[in-house]
Structures are given as structure tokens and as C-alpha cells.
Amino acid sequence: MRELDELIAEIVVDCYDEEECMTAFCTVLGDEIPVPFDVVFMGVPVEVIAIGAGRTPGVVATCRCGKETGEVGLASLTLPDGSVAAWLQAAYLRYLGNDPGQASPPPGWHLGSWDQP
């Protein structure tokens, strides 16, 4: 959990309130998780085409299933173990006060590419 706490601290380092924290998570998650990718949501295969802020509070994944597109809370998705997406989702879940599960950082990955010039 220490690694998740350090990651969270790095993400929200310059934030003054909850809204800024959500913006920071949206920025990092949107920048660091490569899209599109496929997941299963409620037993239905969907394609995640974007991650960021949506019409509802929190971080959302914009998903496509056939010709239909909709937003799903990022916390609702089961992401591939060992992926950057799962690691960042675990940090987001822990930040929200939810159980992040047994996530671990992907080998060789580190936060930072999103803030480089």
C-alpha cells in the first residue's frame, strides 16, 4: 500500500481541494492509460475509447459497444492485472477509500511521462 500512497501523493501534490484532485486523477489517467482497449463490463465486451472527466462526478471511461457509446465509472471496470491501467485504477480506488485489491506496479513503469515537456 505504501507504493499506492506514494503514487497518490505524487498525483495530487499541487491540489488544494477535491475538485482539483479529481482533475489531477483525470489528467494522469487520461494521459497514462493507452486507449482504446477492450474490457468486459457487466458480462458485455466493450471498448474503452477515452478516460477522463464526464457528466458524472469522478473519473469515467467512455466505452463503445457496437454503435453505442456511454460513460462508466472507472472504478466499475475490471482492468487487466499488471497493466498501467490497473495500477492507476488501484491508486484511484484507494484515494476514494475503496479496496484497491492486490495491484502492483507494472515492471519498469513510473509516473512522469505526462508532465515532461
C-alpha atoms as a PDB file:
ATOM      1  CA  MET A   1       0.000   0.000   0.000  1.00  0.00           C
ATOM      2  CA  ARG A   2       2.959   2.311   0.544  1.00  0.00           C
ATOM      3  CA  GLU A   3       3.619   2.415  -3.206  1.00  0.00           C
ATOM      4  CA  LEU A   4      -0.014   3.325  -3.890  1.00  0.00           C
ATOM      5  CA  ASP A   5       0.094   6.044  -1.234  1.00  0.00           C
ATOM      6  CA  GLU A   6       3.252   7.475  -2.796  1.00  0.00           C
ATOM      7  CA  LEU A   7       1.640   7.426  -6.243  1.00  0.00           C
ATOM      8  CA  ILE A   8      -1.476   9.175  -4.912  1.00  0.00           C
ATOM      9  CA  ALA A   9       0.673  11.813  -3.208  1.00  0.00           C
ATOM     10  CA  GLU A  10       2.511  12.420  -6.478  1.00  0.00           C
ATOM     11  CA  ILE A  11      -0.748  12.762  -8.428  1.00  0.00           C
ATOM     12  CA  VAL A  12      -2.390  15.229  -6.027  1.00  0.00           C
ATOM     13  CA  VAL A  13       0.739  17.104  -4.898  1.00  0.00           C
ATOM     14  CA  ASP A  14      -0.412  20.530  -6.122  1.00  0.00           C
ATOM     15  CA  CYS A  15      -4.125  20.144  -5.373  1.00  0.00           C
ATOM     16  CA  TYR A  16      -5.966  22.384  -2.932  1.00  0.00           C
ATOM     17  CA  ASP A  17      -9.415  20.768  -2.907  1.00  0.00           C
ATOM     18  CA  GLU A  18     -11.395  17.716  -4.002  1.00  0.00           C
ATOM     19  CA  GLU A  19     -12.218  19.170  -7.413  1.00  0.00           C
ATOM     20  CA  GLU A  20      -8.531  19.730  -8.169  1.00  0.00           C
ATOM     21  CA  CYS A  21      -7.747  16.175  -7.004  1.00  0.00           C
ATOM     22  CA  MET A  22     -10.342  14.755  -9.412  1.00  0.00           C
ATOM     23  CA  THR A  23      -8.916  16.896 -12.207  1.00  0.00           C
ATOM     24  CA  ALA A  24      -5.429  15.601 -11.408  1.00  0.00           C
ATOM     25  CA  PHE A  25      -6.606  11.988 -11.492  1.00  0.00           C
ATOM     26  CA  CYS A  26      -8.490  12.599 -14.758  1.00  0.00           C
ATOM     27  CA  THR A  27      -5.376  14.129 -16.297  1.00  0.00           C
ATOM     28  CA  VAL A  28      -2.993  11.393 -15.188  1.00  0.00           C
ATOM     29  CA  LEU A  29      -5.348   8.523 -16.006  1.00  0.00           C
ATOM     30  CA  GLY A  30      -6.261  10.021 -19.375  1.00  0.00           C
ATOM     31  CA  ASP A  31      -2.623  10.624 -20.269  1.00  0.00           C
ATOM     32  CA  GLU A  32      -1.053   7.429 -18.940  1.00  0.00           C
ATOM     33  CA  ILE A  33      -3.579   4.749 -19.939  1.00  0.00           C
ATOM     34  CA  PRO A  34      -3.338   3.944 -23.631  1.00  0.00           C
ATOM     35  CA  VAL A  35      -6.706   3.765 -25.372  1.00  0.00           C
ATOM     36  CA  PRO A  36      -8.515   2.104 -26.973  1.00  0.00           C
ATOM     37  CA  PHE A  37      -8.525  -1.195 -25.095  1.00  0.00           C
ATOM     38  CA  ASP A  38     -11.068  -3.948 -24.557  1.00  0.00           C
ATOM     39  CA  VAL A  39     -12.665  -4.942 -21.244  1.00  0.00           C
ATOM     40  CA  VAL A  40     -15.755  -6.773 -20.120  1.00  0.00           C
ATOM     41  CA  PHE A  41     -18.351  -4.673 -18.296  1.00  0.00           C
ATOM     42  CA  MET A  42     -21.259  -6.488 -16.656  1.00  0.00           C
ATOM     43  CA  GLY A  43     -20.631  -9.506 -18.879  1.00  0.00           C
ATOM     44  CA  VAL A  44     -20.554  -7.480 -22.106  1.00  0.00           C
ATOM     45  CA  PRO A  45     -17.360  -6.868 -24.086  1.00  0.00           C
ATOM     46  CA  VAL A  46     -16.784  -3.123 -24.560  1.00  0.00           C
ATOM     47  CA  GLU A  47     -14.010  -0.951 -25.924  1.00  0.00           C
ATOM     48  CA  VAL A  48     -12.712   1.870 -23.731  1.00  0.00           C
ATOM     49  CA  ILE A  49     -12.091   4.794 -26.063  1.00  0.00           C
ATOM     50  CA  ALA A  50     -11.329   7.575 -23.546  1.00  0.00           C
ATOM     51  CA  ILE A  51     -10.713   8.144 -19.832  1.00  0.00           C
ATOM     52  CA  GLY A  52     -11.291  11.422 -18.035  1.00  0.00           C
ATOM     53  CA  ALA A  53     -13.984  13.676 -16.646  1.00  0.00           C
ATOM     54  CA  GLY A  54     -17.556  13.024 -17.628  1.00  0.00           C
ATOM     55  CA  ARG A  55     -21.077  14.126 -16.879  1.00  0.00           C
ATOM     56  CA  THR A  56     -20.997  12.375 -13.511  1.00  0.00           C
ATOM     57  CA  PRO A  57     -18.596  13.015 -10.613  1.00  0.00           C
ATOM     58  CA  GLY A  58     -15.303  11.167 -10.641  1.00  0.00           C
ATOM     59  CA  VAL A  59     -13.240   9.605 -13.388  1.00  0.00           C
ATOM     60  CA  VAL A  60     -15.162   7.911 -16.169  1.00  0.00           C
ATOM     61  CA  ALA A  61     -14.319   5.615 -19.026  1.00  0.00           C
ATOM     62  CA  THR A  62     -16.080   6.320 -22.283  1.00  0.00           C
ATOM     63  CA  CYS A  63     -16.976   2.907 -23.668  1.00  0.00           C
ATOM     64  CA  ARG A  64     -18.213   1.740 -27.028  1.00  0.00           C
ATOM     65  CA  CYS A  65     -20.237  -1.374 -27.680  1.00  0.00           C
ATOM     66  CA  GLY A  66     -21.166  -1.704 -31.325  1.00  0.00           C
ATOM     67  CA  LYS A  67     -22.563   1.658 -32.388  1.00  0.00           C
ATOM     68  CA  GLU A  68     -23.485   2.701 -28.834  1.00  0.00           C
ATOM     69  CA  THR A  69     -21.222   4.864 -26.651  1.00  0.00           C
ATOM     70  CA  GLY A  70     -21.620   5.624 -22.959  1.00  0.00           C
ATOM     71  CA  GLU A  71     -19.785   6.562 -19.785  1.00  0.00           C
ATOM     72  CA  VAL A  72     -18.950   4.131 -16.993  1.00  0.00           C
ATOM     73  CA  GLY A  73     -17.281   4.979 -13.697  1.00  0.00           C
ATOM     74  CA  LEU A  74     -13.653   3.875 -13.931  1.00  0.00           C
ATOM     75  CA  ALA A  75     -13.996   2.195 -10.544  1.00  0.00           C
ATOM     76  CA  SER A  76     -16.622  -0.146 -12.075  1.00  0.00           C
ATOM     77  CA  LEU A  77     -14.279  -1.709 -14.615  1.00  0.00           C
ATOM     78  CA  THR A  78     -12.078  -4.751 -14.141  1.00  0.00           C
ATOM     79  CA  LEU A  79      -8.811  -3.895 -15.818  1.00  0.00           C
ATOM     80  CA  PRO A  80      -6.053  -6.330 -16.858  1.00  0.00           C
ATOM     81  CA  ASP A  81      -3.807  -7.365 -13.943  1.00  0.00           C
ATOM     82  CA  GLY A  82      -0.292  -5.990 -14.170  1.00  0.00           C
ATOM     83  CA  SER A  83      -1.265  -3.184 -16.550  1.00  0.00           C
ATOM     84  CA  VAL A  84      -0.651   0.527 -16.100  1.00  0.00           C
ATOM     85  CA  ALA A  85      -4.431   0.923 -16.227  1.00  0.00           C
ATOM     86  CA  ALA A  86      -4.966  -1.476 -13.299  1.00  0.00           C
ATOM     87  CA  TRP A  87      -2.199   0.150 -11.234  1.00  0.00           C
ATOM     88  CA  LEU A  88      -3.561   3.664 -11.722  1.00  0.00           C
ATOM     89  CA  GLN A  89      -7.107   2.441 -11.110  1.00  0.00           C
ATOM     90  CA  ALA A  90      -5.909   0.927  -7.815  1.00  0.00           C
ATOM     91  CA  ALA A  91      -4.492   4.327  -6.798  1.00  0.00           C
ATOM     92  CA  TYR A  92      -7.786   5.974  -7.708  1.00  0.00           C
ATOM     93  CA  LEU A  93      -9.766   3.372  -5.744  1.00  0.00           C
ATOM     94  CA  ARG A  94      -7.531   3.820  -2.687  1.00  0.00           C
ATOM     95  CA  TYR A  95      -7.865   7.600  -2.963  1.00  0.00           C
ATOM     96  CA  LEU A  96     -11.659   7.164  -2.928  1.00  0.00           C
ATOM     97  CA  GLY A  97     -11.373   4.993   0.189  1.00  0.00           C
ATOM     98  CA  ASN A  98     -12.196   1.756  -1.634  1.00  0.00           C
ATOM     99  CA  ASP A  99     -10.267  -1.517  -1.599  1.00  0.00           C
ATOM    100  CA  PRO A 100      -7.643  -1.383  -4.357  1.00  0.00           C
ATOM    101  CA  GLY A 101      -7.162  -5.149  -4.351  1.00  0.00           C
ATOM    102  CA  GLN A 102      -3.757  -6.699  -4.885  1.00  0.00           C
ATOM    103  CA  ALA A 103      -2.483  -4.325  -7.567  1.00  0.00           C
ATOM    104  CA  SER A 104       1.207  -3.950  -8.217  1.00  0.00           C
ATOM    105  CA  PRO A 105       3.122  -1.512 -10.399  1.00  0.00           C
ATOM    106  CA  PRO A 106       3.937  -2.740 -13.894  1.00  0.00           C
ATOM    107  CA  PRO A 107       7.627  -3.617 -14.274  1.00  0.00           C
ATOM    108  CA  GLY A 108       9.653  -0.655 -15.464  1.00  0.00           C
ATOM    109  CA  TRP A 109       6.739   1.808 -15.410  1.00  0.00           C
ATOM    110  CA  HIS A 110       6.901   5.083 -13.498  1.00  0.00           C
ATOM    111  CA  LEU A 111       4.668   8.111 -13.366  1.00  0.00           C
ATOM    112  CA  GLY A 112       6.073  11.093 -15.093  1.00  0.00           C
ATOM    113  CA  SER A 113       5.763  10.925 -18.848  1.00  0.00           C
ATOM    114  CA  TRP A 114       2.635  13.088 -18.649  1.00  0.00           C
ATOM    115  CA  ASP A 115       4.444  16.061 -17.117  1.00  0.00           C
ATOM    116  CA  GLN A 116       7.530  16.066 -19.319  1.00  0.00           C
ATOM    117  CA  PRO A 117       7.954  18.870 -21.896  1.00  0.00           C
END
